[in-house]
Amino acid sequence: MEVIITDSRLRKSLSIRMTGWQLASAMAGLMLVLLMVTAGLYHLIFVKAVREDWPVFGSVVRFVAKDQIEQRERFTRENIDVLAKKLGEMQAKMMQIESLGERLSGLAGVDPALIRSKPDRGGALMGSRPMTVADLQSMMDDLDHASIERADILTLMETRLFDQKMKVMMLPTQAPVQGGVVGSGFGIRVDPFTGGSAMHEGLDFPAAPGTPIYAASGGVVVVQQLHATYGNMVEIDHGNDLLTRYGHASRVFVKSGDVVKRGQKIAEIGTTGRSTGPHLHFEVLVRGVPQDPQKFLKLGAEAHITAVLPSAPRYPR
């Protein structure tokens, strides 16, 4: 590119030749100079106007700054209000958890006072102010601390209830013969062989040979043998010094050392041993002392009735 400069004071014209790269550099330099001049003018006029409080510029700057501050405050207030509403909902749910915990505490044997929140408070409203971020943070910290305490107490209650459930599950409350009818009960009776009075230490369930015999509860088979009196006999240890005995079986499907579950088929009814006909002789012993098995079977029947009863209808709130 060629640039020709002419002037009356020059004897001849001045010719300048520039390449494309040189022209681009010159344009960039010119732009840089313009930016520097603009920045200088901004500093000279705008900043100086703010510092020296020029009437027109100062008013404009203060108006813009005030508007920005109001927008930030409005945004912050709206967020605080939303968070405060969420916090209120969380506190309401915490109260529901506490109410449920109080109802369950009696079943778990835990003091209900442990799960109650602070006592109810009230009084005249003497003055109020908008909630601040610090207030919100303090309330959230209190709620977090309370939730940790309630979680610990509910975990304790869960453990207690689980222990109670396990103890109940280990009780021999499952009927050893499905639909079985007791033929001879627990207590003094006339002995079928001698004709004299004798203590009957269990229950007799007469049934057809081959009728299944079920474990009254879970446990470990400690005895499986052919006994002179009880014939094919099985004894199951349920823990807590509880033991059940099953006699006169025709066939046995477990052996000593086996772990059995509640309701598991362990044998079939027969008439082995000292027996006048096919039936199951069922005993419950606590620390080696015979107990009336009906007490345990009634517990199982009552629990079954409670489980199958329809629950109360729930109405929408």
C-alpha atoms as a PDB file:
ATOM      1  CA  MET A   1       0.000   0.000   0.000  1.00  0.00           C
ATOM      2  CA  GLU A   2       1.350   3.496  -0.903  1.00  0.00           C
ATOM      3  CA  VAL A   3       0.381   6.708   0.956  1.00  0.00           C
ATOM      4  CA  ILE A   4       1.204  10.094  -0.748  1.00  0.00           C
ATOM      5  CA  ILE A   5       1.341  13.234   1.434  1.00  0.00           C
ATOM      6  CA  THR A   6       1.300  16.666  -0.351  1.00  0.00           C
ATOM      7  CA  ASP A   7       1.610  20.142   1.212  1.00  0.00           C
ATOM      8  CA  SER A   8       2.327  23.644  -0.070  1.00  0.00           C
ATOM      9  CA  ARG A   9       5.278  23.885   2.263  1.00  0.00           C
ATOM     10  CA  LEU A  10       6.815  20.744   0.795  1.00  0.00           C
ATOM     11  CA  ARG A  11       8.782  21.089  -2.425  1.00  0.00           C
ATOM     12  CA  LYS A  12       7.616  17.681  -3.531  1.00  0.00           C
ATOM     13  CA  SER A  13       5.083  15.142  -2.396  1.00  0.00           C
ATOM     14  CA  LEU A  14       6.026  12.659   0.345  1.00  0.00           C
ATOM     15  CA  SER A  15       5.401   9.056  -0.608  1.00  0.00           C
ATOM     16  CA  ILE A  16       5.168   6.338   2.095  1.00  0.00           C
ATOM     17  CA  ARG A  17       4.931   2.658   1.178  1.00  0.00           C
ATOM     18  CA  MET A  18       3.346   0.269   3.809  1.00  0.00           C
ATOM     19  CA  THR A  19       2.854  -3.445   3.707  1.00  0.00           C
ATOM     20  CA  GLY A  20      -0.368  -5.091   4.962  1.00  0.00           C
ATOM     21  CA  TRP A  21       1.304  -6.163   8.233  1.00  0.00           C
ATOM     22  CA  GLN A  22       2.618  -2.638   8.864  1.00  0.00           C
ATOM     23  CA  LEU A  23      -0.872  -1.196   8.257  1.00  0.00           C
ATOM     24  CA  ALA A  24      -2.452  -3.638  10.722  1.00  0.00           C
ATOM     25  CA  SER A  25       0.146  -2.721  13.350  1.00  0.00           C
ATOM     26  CA  ALA A  26      -0.545   0.953  12.851  1.00  0.00           C
ATOM     27  CA  MET A  27      -4.307   0.424  13.258  1.00  0.00           C
ATOM     28  CA  ALA A  28      -3.752  -1.604  16.457  1.00  0.00           C
ATOM     29  CA  GLY A  29      -1.578   1.134  17.859  1.00  0.00           C
ATOM     30  CA  LEU A  30      -4.222   3.722  17.057  1.00  0.00           C
ATOM     31  CA  MET A  31      -6.879   1.649  18.862  1.00  0.00           C
ATOM     32  CA  LEU A  32      -4.628   1.294  21.902  1.00  0.00           C
ATOM     33  CA  VAL A  33      -4.138   5.047  22.026  1.00  0.00           C
ATOM     34  CA  LEU A  34      -7.917   5.593  21.850  1.00  0.00           C
ATOM     35  CA  LEU A  35      -8.505   3.138  24.744  1.00  0.00           C
ATOM     36  CA  MET A  36      -5.894   4.869  26.867  1.00  0.00           C
ATOM     37  CA  VAL A  37      -7.461   8.248  26.145  1.00  0.00           C
ATOM     38  CA  THR A  38     -10.932   6.905  27.044  1.00  0.00           C
ATOM     39  CA  ALA A  39      -9.647   5.444  30.327  1.00  0.00           C
ATOM     40  CA  GLY A  40      -7.987   8.725  31.164  1.00  0.00           C
ATOM     41  CA  LEU A  41     -11.151  10.664  30.519  1.00  0.00           C
ATOM     42  CA  TYR A  42     -13.147   8.198  32.712  1.00  0.00           C
ATOM     43  CA  HIS A  43     -10.718   8.617  35.564  1.00  0.00           C
ATOM     44  CA  LEU A  44     -10.580  12.345  35.126  1.00  0.00           C
ATOM     45  CA  ILE A  45     -14.330  12.926  34.902  1.00  0.00           C
ATOM     46  CA  PHE A  46     -16.261  10.046  36.507  1.00  0.00           C
ATOM     47  CA  VAL A  47     -13.995   9.104  39.414  1.00  0.00           C
ATOM     48  CA  LYS A  48     -13.124  12.709  40.134  1.00  0.00           C
ATOM     49  CA  ALA A  49     -16.821  13.563  40.082  1.00  0.00           C
ATOM     50  CA  VAL A  50     -17.538  10.888  42.696  1.00  0.00           C
ATOM     51  CA  ARG A  51     -14.667  11.898  44.964  1.00  0.00           C
ATOM     52  CA  GLU A  52     -15.421  15.601  44.777  1.00  0.00           C
ATOM     53  CA  ASP A  53     -19.189  15.032  44.929  1.00  0.00           C
ATOM     54  CA  TRP A  54     -20.115  16.822  41.727  1.00  0.00           C
ATOM     55  CA  PRO A  55     -23.870  17.423  41.934  1.00  0.00           C
ATOM     56  CA  VAL A  56     -24.988  15.730  38.715  1.00  0.00           C
ATOM     57  CA  PHE A  57     -22.553  12.832  38.579  1.00  0.00           C
ATOM     58  CA  GLY A  58     -22.764  12.185  42.329  1.00  0.00           C
ATOM     59  CA  SER A  59     -26.537  11.873  42.191  1.00  0.00           C
ATOM     60  CA  VAL A  60     -26.379   9.422  39.285  1.00  0.00           C
ATOM     61  CA  VAL A  61     -23.737   7.272  41.000  1.00  0.00           C
ATOM     62  CA  ARG A  62     -25.594   7.234  44.316  1.00  0.00           C
ATOM     63  CA  PHE A  63     -28.836   6.272  42.553  1.00  0.00           C
ATOM     64  CA  VAL A  64     -27.170   3.370  40.724  1.00  0.00           C
ATOM     65  CA  ALA A  65     -25.392   2.173  43.868  1.00  0.00           C
ATOM     66  CA  LYS A  66     -28.569   2.409  45.955  1.00  0.00           C
ATOM     67  CA  ASP A  67     -30.532   0.430  43.368  1.00  0.00           C
ATOM     68  CA  GLN A  68     -27.910  -2.314  43.343  1.00  0.00           C
ATOM     69  CA  ILE A  69     -27.890  -2.497  47.148  1.00  0.00           C
ATOM     70  CA  GLU A  70     -31.692  -2.696  47.263  1.00  0.00           C
ATOM     71  CA  GLN A  71     -31.693  -5.483  44.680  1.00  0.00           C
ATOM     72  CA  ARG A  72     -29.152  -7.484  46.706  1.00  0.00           C
ATOM     73  CA  GLU A  73     -31.113  -6.942  49.919  1.00  0.00           C
ATOM     74  CA  ARG A  74     -34.367  -7.978  48.241  1.00  0.00           C
ATOM     75  CA  PHE A  75     -32.737 -11.118  46.824  1.00  0.00           C
ATOM     76  CA  THR A  76     -31.249 -11.975  50.221  1.00  0.00           C
ATOM     77  CA  ARG A  77     -34.574 -11.389  52.003  1.00  0.00           C
ATOM     78  CA  GLU A  78     -36.459 -13.605  49.533  1.00  0.00           C
ATOM     79  CA  ASN A  79     -33.936 -16.417  50.032  1.00  0.00           C
ATOM     80  CA  ILE A  80     -34.070 -16.069  53.827  1.00  0.00           C
ATOM     81  CA  ASP A  81     -37.890 -16.249  53.717  1.00  0.00           C
ATOM     82  CA  VAL A  82     -37.776 -19.418  51.594  1.00  0.00           C
ATOM     83  CA  LEU A  83     -35.225 -21.041  53.894  1.00  0.00           C
ATOM     84  CA  ALA A  84     -37.216 -20.016  56.970  1.00  0.00           C
ATOM     85  CA  LYS A  85     -40.317 -21.677  55.512  1.00  0.00           C
ATOM     86  CA  LYS A  86     -38.353 -24.880  54.827  1.00  0.00           C
ATOM     87  CA  LEU A  87     -36.958 -24.748  58.349  1.00  0.00           C
ATOM     88  CA  GLY A  88     -40.484 -24.476  59.739  1.00  0.00           C
ATOM     89  CA  GLU A  89     -41.533 -27.548  57.747  1.00  0.00           C
ATOM     90  CA  MET A  90     -38.528 -29.471  59.074  1.00  0.00           C
ATOM     91  CA  GLN A  91     -39.398 -28.481  62.636  1.00  0.00           C
ATOM     92  CA  ALA A  92     -42.975 -29.712  62.113  1.00  0.00           C
ATOM     93  CA  LYS A  93     -41.673 -33.055  60.843  1.00  0.00           C
ATOM     94  CA  MET A  94     -39.356 -33.268  63.841  1.00  0.00           C
ATOM     95  CA  MET A  95     -42.374 -32.836  66.111  1.00  0.00           C
ATOM     96  CA  GLN A  96     -44.119 -35.701  64.319  1.00  0.00           C
ATOM     97  CA  ILE A  97     -41.049 -37.890  64.839  1.00  0.00           C
ATOM     98  CA  GLU A  98     -41.001 -36.972  68.522  1.00  0.00           C
ATOM     99  CA  SER A  99     -44.691 -37.837  68.850  1.00  0.00           C
ATOM    100  CA  LEU A 100     -44.116 -41.224  67.211  1.00  0.00           C
ATOM    101  CA  GLY A 101     -41.057 -41.795  69.387  1.00  0.00           C
ATOM    102  CA  GLU A 102     -43.040 -41.089  72.548  1.00  0.00           C
ATOM    103  CA  ARG A 103     -45.635 -43.681  71.559  1.00  0.00           C
ATOM    104  CA  LEU A 104     -42.957 -46.274  70.827  1.00  0.00           C
ATOM    105  CA  SER A 105     -40.858 -45.507  73.900  1.00  0.00           C
ATOM    106  CA  GLY A 106     -43.236 -47.408  76.171  1.00  0.00           C
ATOM    107  CA  LEU A 107     -42.943 -50.519  74.002  1.00  0.00           C
ATOM    108  CA  ALA A 108     -39.163 -50.264  73.965  1.00  0.00           C
ATOM    109  CA  GLY A 109     -38.822 -49.525  77.685  1.00  0.00           C
ATOM    110  CA  VAL A 110     -37.267 -46.096  77.073  1.00  0.00           C
ATOM    111  CA  ASP A 111     -38.083 -42.991  79.132  1.00  0.00           C
ATOM    112  CA  PRO A 112     -40.404 -40.818  76.950  1.00  0.00           C
ATOM    113  CA  ALA A 113     -38.763 -37.679  78.377  1.00  0.00           C
ATOM    114  CA  LEU A 114     -35.594 -38.530  76.444  1.00  0.00           C
ATOM    115  CA  ILE A 115     -37.234 -37.902  73.107  1.00  0.00           C
ATOM    116  CA  ARG A 116     -39.293 -34.850  74.027  1.00  0.00           C
ATOM    117  CA  SER A 117     -38.129 -31.465  72.801  1.00  0.00           C
ATOM    118  CA  LYS A 118     -37.816 -28.377  74.954  1.00  0.00           C
ATOM    119  CA  PRO A 119     -40.943 -27.439  76.945  1.00  0.00           C
ATOM    120  CA  ASP A 120     -43.593 -25.422  75.139  1.00  0.00           C
ATOM    121  CA  ARG A 121     -43.080 -21.701  75.410  1.00  0.00           C
ATOM    122  CA  GLY A 122     -45.277 -18.635  74.901  1.00  0.00           C
ATOM    123  CA  GLY A 123     -46.094 -15.120  76.022  1.00  0.00           C
ATOM    124  CA  ALA A 124     -46.940 -11.684  74.708  1.00  0.00           C
ATOM    125  CA  LEU A 125     -45.184 -10.508  71.547  1.00  0.00           C
ATOM    126  CA  MET A 126     -43.276  -7.428  72.700  1.00  0.00           C
ATOM    127  CA  GLY A 127     -41.505  -6.740  69.449  1.00  0.00           C
ATOM    128  CA  SER A 128     -40.357  -8.406  66.272  1.00  0.00           C
ATOM    129  CA  ARG A 129     -37.772  -7.939  63.592  1.00  0.00           C
ATOM    130  CA  PRO A 130     -36.996  -9.594  60.275  1.00  0.00           C
ATOM    131  CA  MET A 131     -35.064 -12.856  60.524  1.00  0.00           C
ATOM    132  CA  THR A 132     -31.384 -12.546  59.705  1.00  0.00           C
ATOM    133  CA  VAL A 133     -28.955 -15.042  58.248  1.00  0.00           C
ATOM    134  CA  ALA A 134     -27.392 -15.439  61.704  1.00  0.00           C
ATOM    135  CA  ASP A 135     -30.816 -16.249  63.220  1.00  0.00           C
ATOM    136  CA  LEU A 136     -31.476 -18.791  60.506  1.00  0.00           C
ATOM    137  CA  GLN A 137     -28.073 -20.405  60.953  1.00  0.00           C
ATOM    138  CA  SER A 138     -28.603 -20.662  64.720  1.00  0.00           C
ATOM    139  CA  MET A 139     -31.987 -22.347  64.288  1.00  0.00           C
ATOM    140  CA  MET A 140     -30.587 -24.774  61.734  1.00  0.00           C
ATOM    141  CA  ASP A 141     -27.742 -25.681  64.109  1.00  0.00           C
ATOM    142  CA  ASP A 142     -30.268 -26.353  66.898  1.00  0.00           C
ATOM    143  CA  LEU A 143     -32.364 -28.514  64.591  1.00  0.00           C
ATOM    144  CA  ASP A 144     -29.305 -30.438  63.432  1.00  0.00           C
ATOM    145  CA  HIS A 145     -28.261 -31.094  67.033  1.00  0.00           C
ATOM    146  CA  ALA A 146     -31.785 -32.204  67.954  1.00  0.00           C
ATOM    147  CA  SER A 147     -32.001 -34.534  64.947  1.00  0.00           C
ATOM    148  CA  ILE A 148     -28.745 -36.244  65.956  1.00  0.00           C
ATOM    149  CA  GLU A 149     -30.052 -36.777  69.504  1.00  0.00           C
ATOM    150  CA  ARG A 150     -33.384 -38.147  68.251  1.00  0.00           C
ATOM    151  CA  ALA A 151     -31.599 -40.463  65.814  1.00  0.00           C
ATOM    152  CA  ASP A 152     -29.501 -41.899  68.664  1.00  0.00           C
ATOM    153  CA  ILE A 153     -32.579 -42.457  70.841  1.00  0.00           C
ATOM    154  CA  LEU A 154     -34.554 -44.034  67.984  1.00  0.00           C
ATOM    155  CA  THR A 155     -31.602 -46.337  67.287  1.00  0.00           C
ATOM    156  CA  LEU A 156     -31.674 -47.391  70.939  1.00  0.00           C
ATOM    157  CA  MET A 157     -35.419 -48.003  70.710  1.00  0.00           C
ATOM    158  CA  GLU A 158     -34.935 -50.039  67.540  1.00  0.00           C
ATOM    159  CA  THR A 159     -32.345 -52.196  69.297  1.00  0.00           C
ATOM    160  CA  ARG A 160     -34.618 -52.731  72.310  1.00  0.00           C
ATOM    161  CA  LEU A 161     -37.603 -53.636  70.140  1.00  0.00           C
ATOM    162  CA  PHE A 162     -35.471 -55.977  68.032  1.00  0.00           C
ATOM    163  CA  ASP A 163     -34.228 -57.736  71.174  1.00  0.00           C
ATOM    164  CA  GLN A 164     -37.802 -58.101  72.392  1.00  0.00           C
ATOM    165  CA  LYS A 165     -38.899 -59.454  69.032  1.00  0.00           C
ATOM    166  CA  MET A 166     -36.060 -61.981  69.002  1.00  0.00           C
ATOM    167  CA  LYS A 167     -36.985 -63.164  72.495  1.00  0.00           C
ATOM    168  CA  VAL A 168     -40.604 -63.608  71.424  1.00  0.00           C
ATOM    169  CA  MET A 169     -39.518 -65.378  68.242  1.00  0.00           C
ATOM    170  CA  MET A 170     -37.496 -67.846  70.332  1.00  0.00           C
ATOM    171  CA  LEU A 171     -40.547 -68.746  72.457  1.00  0.00           C
ATOM    172  CA  PRO A 172     -42.171 -72.064  71.424  1.00  0.00           C
ATOM    173  CA  THR A 173     -45.497 -70.549  70.347  1.00  0.00           C
ATOM    174  CA  GLN A 174     -45.853 -72.314  66.967  1.00  0.00           C
ATOM    175  CA  ALA A 175     -48.341 -75.224  67.090  1.00  0.00           C
ATOM    176  CA  PRO A 176     -46.341 -78.416  66.463  1.00  0.00           C
ATOM    177  CA  VAL A 177     -49.266 -80.022  64.602  1.00  0.00           C
ATOM    178  CA  GLN A 178     -51.240 -77.957  62.122  1.00  0.00           C
ATOM    179  CA  GLY A 179     -54.893 -77.846  63.202  1.00  0.00           C
ATOM    180  CA  GLY A 180     -54.135 -80.362  65.914  1.00  0.00           C
ATOM    181  CA  VAL A 181     -56.599 -80.984  68.746  1.00  0.00           C
ATOM    182  CA  VAL A 182     -55.274 -81.757  72.215  1.00  0.00           C
ATOM    183  CA  GLY A 183     -56.252 -85.238  73.310  1.00  0.00           C
ATOM    184  CA  SER A 184     -54.612 -85.241  76.709  1.00  0.00           C
ATOM    185  CA  GLY A 185     -53.606 -82.097  78.552  1.00  0.00           C
ATOM    186  CA  PHE A 186     -50.904 -81.085  80.993  1.00  0.00           C
ATOM    187  CA  GLY A 187     -51.319 -82.201  84.618  1.00  0.00           C
ATOM    188  CA  ILE A 188     -52.540 -85.156  86.675  1.00  0.00           C
ATOM    189  CA  ARG A 189     -54.397 -87.818  84.691  1.00  0.00           C
ATOM    190  CA  VAL A 190     -55.207 -91.541  84.688  1.00  0.00           C
ATOM    191  CA  ASP A 191     -52.262 -93.418  83.207  1.00  0.00           C
ATOM    192  CA  PRO A 192     -53.453 -95.417  80.146  1.00  0.00           C
ATOM    193  CA  PHE A 193     -51.194 -98.358  81.028  1.00  0.00           C
ATOM    194  CA  THR A 194     -51.419 -98.623  84.837  1.00  0.00           C
ATOM    195  CA  GLY A 195     -54.844 -97.117  85.438  1.00  0.00           C
ATOM    196  CA  GLY A 196     -53.501 -95.051  88.310  1.00  0.00           C
ATOM    197  CA  SER A 197     -53.067 -91.299  88.578  1.00  0.00           C
ATOM    198  CA  ALA A 198     -49.869 -89.892  87.090  1.00  0.00           C
ATOM    199  CA  MET A 199     -48.408 -86.587  86.059  1.00  0.00           C
ATOM    200  CA  HIS A 200     -48.614 -85.898  82.330  1.00  0.00           C
ATOM    201  CA  GLU A 201     -45.842 -83.427  81.583  1.00  0.00           C
ATOM    202  CA  GLY A 202     -46.948 -82.329  78.115  1.00  0.00           C
ATOM    203  CA  LEU A 203     -49.724 -82.291  75.534  1.00  0.00           C
ATOM    204  CA  ASP A 204     -50.828 -85.178  73.321  1.00  0.00           C
ATOM    205  CA  PHE A 205     -51.926 -84.402  69.741  1.00  0.00           C
ATOM    206  CA  PRO A 206     -53.615 -87.491  68.221  1.00  0.00           C
ATOM    207  CA  ALA A 207     -53.351 -87.623  64.418  1.00  0.00           C
ATOM    208  CA  ALA A 208     -52.932 -90.035  61.550  1.00  0.00           C
ATOM    209  CA  PRO A 209     -49.508 -91.644  61.100  1.00  0.00           C
ATOM    210  CA  GLY A 210     -47.275 -89.557  58.842  1.00  0.00           C
ATOM    211  CA  THR A 211     -48.831 -86.219  59.889  1.00  0.00           C
ATOM    212  CA  PRO A 212     -46.062 -83.562  59.853  1.00  0.00           C
ATOM    213  CA  ILE A 213     -44.537 -82.388  63.139  1.00  0.00           C
ATOM    214  CA  TYR A 214     -43.228 -78.799  63.114  1.00  0.00           C
ATOM    215  CA  ALA A 215     -40.664 -77.048  65.308  1.00  0.00           C
ATOM    216  CA  ALA A 216     -42.467 -74.803  67.792  1.00  0.00           C
ATOM    217  CA  SER A 217     -39.641 -72.245  67.457  1.00  0.00           C
ATOM    218  CA  GLY A 218     -36.178 -71.838  66.017  1.00  0.00           C
ATOM    219  CA  GLY A 219     -33.264 -73.455  67.786  1.00  0.00           C
ATOM    220  CA  VAL A 220     -30.650 -76.208  67.780  1.00  0.00           C
ATOM    221  CA  VAL A 221     -31.392 -79.930  67.911  1.00  0.00           C
ATOM    222  CA  VAL A 222     -29.642 -81.213  71.043  1.00  0.00           C
ATOM    223  CA  VAL A 223     -31.131 -84.719  71.209  1.00  0.00           C
ATOM    224  CA  GLN A 224     -32.350 -87.100  68.502  1.00  0.00           C
ATOM    225  CA  GLN A 225     -32.622 -90.668  69.717  1.00  0.00           C
ATOM    226  CA  LEU A 226     -34.824 -93.721  70.194  1.00  0.00           C
ATOM    227  CA  HIS A 227     -36.073 -93.416  73.772  1.00  0.00           C
ATOM    228  CA  ALA A 228     -37.724 -96.224  75.758  1.00  0.00           C
ATOM    229  CA  THR A 229     -40.630 -93.989  76.799  1.00  0.00           C
ATOM    230  CA  TYR A 230     -40.823 -91.356  74.055  1.00  0.00           C
ATOM    231  CA  GLY A 231     -39.833 -93.591  71.135  1.00  0.00           C
ATOM    232  CA  ASN A 232     -38.300 -91.590  68.283  1.00  0.00           C
ATOM    233  CA  MET A 233     -37.649 -88.357  70.173  1.00  0.00           C
ATOM    234  CA  VAL A 234     -36.310 -84.916  69.250  1.00  0.00           C
ATOM    235  CA  GLU A 235     -35.295 -82.189  71.682  1.00  0.00           C
ATOM    236  CA  ILE A 236     -34.658 -78.608  70.508  1.00  0.00           C
ATOM    237  CA  ASP A 237     -32.838 -75.966  72.568  1.00  0.00           C
ATOM    238  CA  HIS A 238     -34.297 -72.474  71.955  1.00  0.00           C
ATOM    239  CA  GLY A 239     -31.927 -70.552  74.235  1.00  0.00           C
ATOM    240  CA  ASN A 240     -32.782 -68.772  77.476  1.00  0.00           C
ATOM    241  CA  ASP A 241     -33.080 -72.214  79.185  1.00  0.00           C
ATOM    242  CA  LEU A 242     -36.049 -73.143  76.950  1.00  0.00           C
ATOM    243  CA  LEU A 243     -36.315 -76.633  75.462  1.00  0.00           C
ATOM    244  CA  THR A 244     -39.080 -78.468  73.565  1.00  0.00           C
ATOM    245  CA  ARG A 245     -39.489 -82.241  73.308  1.00  0.00           C
ATOM    246  CA  TYR A 246     -41.286 -84.185  70.553  1.00  0.00           C
ATOM    247  CA  GLY A 247     -42.043 -87.869  71.130  1.00  0.00           C
ATOM    248  CA  HIS A 248     -43.469 -91.035  69.498  1.00  0.00           C
ATOM    249  CA  ALA A 249     -42.485 -89.986  65.933  1.00  0.00           C
ATOM    250  CA  SER A 250     -42.531 -92.533  63.141  1.00  0.00           C
ATOM    251  CA  ARG A 251     -39.854 -90.740  61.098  1.00  0.00           C
ATOM    252  CA  VAL A 252     -37.354 -88.026  62.028  1.00  0.00           C
ATOM    253  CA  PHE A 253     -35.779 -85.621  59.523  1.00  0.00           C
ATOM    254  CA  VAL A 254     -33.240 -83.840  61.739  1.00  0.00           C
ATOM    255  CA  LYS A 255     -30.219 -84.893  63.766  1.00  0.00           C
ATOM    256  CA  SER A 256     -28.278 -83.572  66.746  1.00  0.00           C
ATOM    257  CA  GLY A 257     -26.500 -80.300  65.948  1.00  0.00           C
ATOM    258  CA  ASP A 258     -28.929 -79.223  63.225  1.00  0.00           C
ATOM    259  CA  VAL A 259     -30.204 -75.649  63.314  1.00  0.00           C
ATOM    260  CA  VAL A 260     -33.952 -75.532  62.679  1.00  0.00           C
ATOM    261  CA  LYS A 261     -36.341 -72.681  61.940  1.00  0.00           C
ATOM    262  CA  ARG A 262     -39.745 -71.968  63.426  1.00  0.00           C
ATOM    263  CA  GLY A 263     -42.357 -74.042  61.616  1.00  0.00           C
ATOM    264  CA  GLN A 264     -39.795 -76.361  59.988  1.00  0.00           C
ATOM    265  CA  LYS A 265     -40.914 -79.968  59.498  1.00  0.00           C
ATOM    266  CA  ILE A 266     -38.750 -82.097  61.802  1.00  0.00           C
ATOM    267  CA  ALA A 267     -40.624 -85.403  61.992  1.00  0.00           C
ATOM    268  CA  GLU A 268     -43.866 -87.300  61.339  1.00  0.00           C
ATOM    269  CA  ILE A 269     -46.389 -88.603  63.834  1.00  0.00           C
ATOM    270  CA  GLY A 270     -46.184 -92.261  64.834  1.00  0.00           C
ATOM    271  CA  THR A 271     -46.737 -94.542  67.820  1.00  0.00           C
ATOM    272  CA  THR A 272     -43.210 -95.503  68.847  1.00  0.00           C
ATOM    273  CA  GLY A 273     -42.223 -95.922  72.486  1.00  0.00           C
ATOM    274  CA  ARG A 274     -44.767 -96.039  75.315  1.00  0.00           C
ATOM    275  CA  SER A 275     -47.835 -95.203  73.252  1.00  0.00           C
ATOM    276  CA  THR A 276     -51.353 -96.536  72.777  1.00  0.00           C
ATOM    277  CA  GLY A 277     -51.831 -95.024  69.318  1.00  0.00           C
ATOM    278  CA  PRO A 278     -50.442 -92.550  66.776  1.00  0.00           C
ATOM    279  CA  HIS A 279     -50.001 -89.131  68.362  1.00  0.00           C
ATOM    280  CA  LEU A 280     -47.378 -86.460  69.196  1.00  0.00           C
ATOM    281  CA  HIS A 281     -46.274 -85.986  72.778  1.00  0.00           C
ATOM    282  CA  PHE A 282     -45.143 -82.342  73.065  1.00  0.00           C
ATOM    283  CA  GLU A 283     -43.352 -80.847  76.084  1.00  0.00           C
ATOM    284  CA  VAL A 284     -41.943 -77.430  77.000  1.00  0.00           C
ATOM    285  CA  LEU A 285     -39.240 -77.315  79.669  1.00  0.00           C
ATOM    286  CA  VAL A 286     -37.787 -74.226  81.369  1.00  0.00           C
ATOM    287  CA  ARG A 287     -34.490 -74.985  83.121  1.00  0.00           C
ATOM    288  CA  GLY A 288     -35.435 -78.647  82.976  1.00  0.00           C
ATOM    289  CA  VAL A 289     -38.826 -78.107  84.659  1.00  0.00           C
ATOM    290  CA  PRO A 290     -41.900 -79.097  82.569  1.00  0.00           C
ATOM    291  CA  GLN A 291     -44.332 -76.251  81.851  1.00  0.00           C
ATOM    292  CA  ASP A 292     -47.857 -76.277  80.466  1.00  0.00           C
ATOM    293  CA  PRO A 293     -47.307 -75.887  76.680  1.00  0.00           C
ATOM    294  CA  GLN A 294     -50.774 -74.361  76.335  1.00  0.00           C
ATOM    295  CA  LYS A 295     -49.490 -71.116  77.890  1.00  0.00           C
ATOM    296  CA  PHE A 296     -47.009 -70.723  75.046  1.00  0.00           C
ATOM    297  CA  LEU A 297     -49.358 -71.877  72.288  1.00  0.00           C
ATOM    298  CA  LYS A 298     -52.015 -69.404  73.424  1.00  0.00           C
ATOM    299  CA  LEU A 299     -49.471 -66.582  73.037  1.00  0.00           C
ATOM    300  CA  GLY A 300     -48.856 -67.687  69.471  1.00  0.00           C
ATOM    301  CA  ALA A 301     -52.588 -67.898  68.724  1.00  0.00           C
ATOM    302  CA  GLU A 302     -53.230 -64.413  70.134  1.00  0.00           C
ATOM    303  CA  ALA A 303     -50.337 -62.964  68.121  1.00  0.00           C
ATOM    304  CA  HIS A 304     -51.729 -64.592  64.967  1.00  0.00           C
ATOM    305  CA  ILE A 305     -55.213 -63.169  65.576  1.00  0.00           C
ATOM    306  CA  THR A 306     -53.723 -59.680  66.097  1.00  0.00           C
ATOM    307  CA  ALA A 307     -51.722 -59.968  62.872  1.00  0.00           C
ATOM    308  CA  VAL A 308     -54.719 -60.942  60.696  1.00  0.00           C
ATOM    309  CA  LEU A 309     -57.144 -58.355  62.114  1.00  0.00           C
ATOM    310  CA  PRO A 310     -57.681 -55.435  59.673  1.00  0.00           C
ATOM    311  CA  SER A 311     -55.991 -52.242  60.735  1.00  0.00           C
ATOM    312  CA  ALA A 312     -57.948 -49.065  61.394  1.00  0.00           C
ATOM    313  CA  PRO A 313     -58.760 -47.122  58.199  1.00  0.00           C
ATOM    314  CA  ARG A 314     -56.615 -44.144  57.399  1.00  0.00           C
ATOM    315  CA  TYR A 315     -58.315 -40.939  56.477  1.00  0.00           C
ATOM    316  CA  PRO A 316     -56.564 -38.273  54.395  1.00  0.00           C
ATOM    317  CA  ARG A 317     -55.550 -35.180  56.326  1.00  0.00           C
END
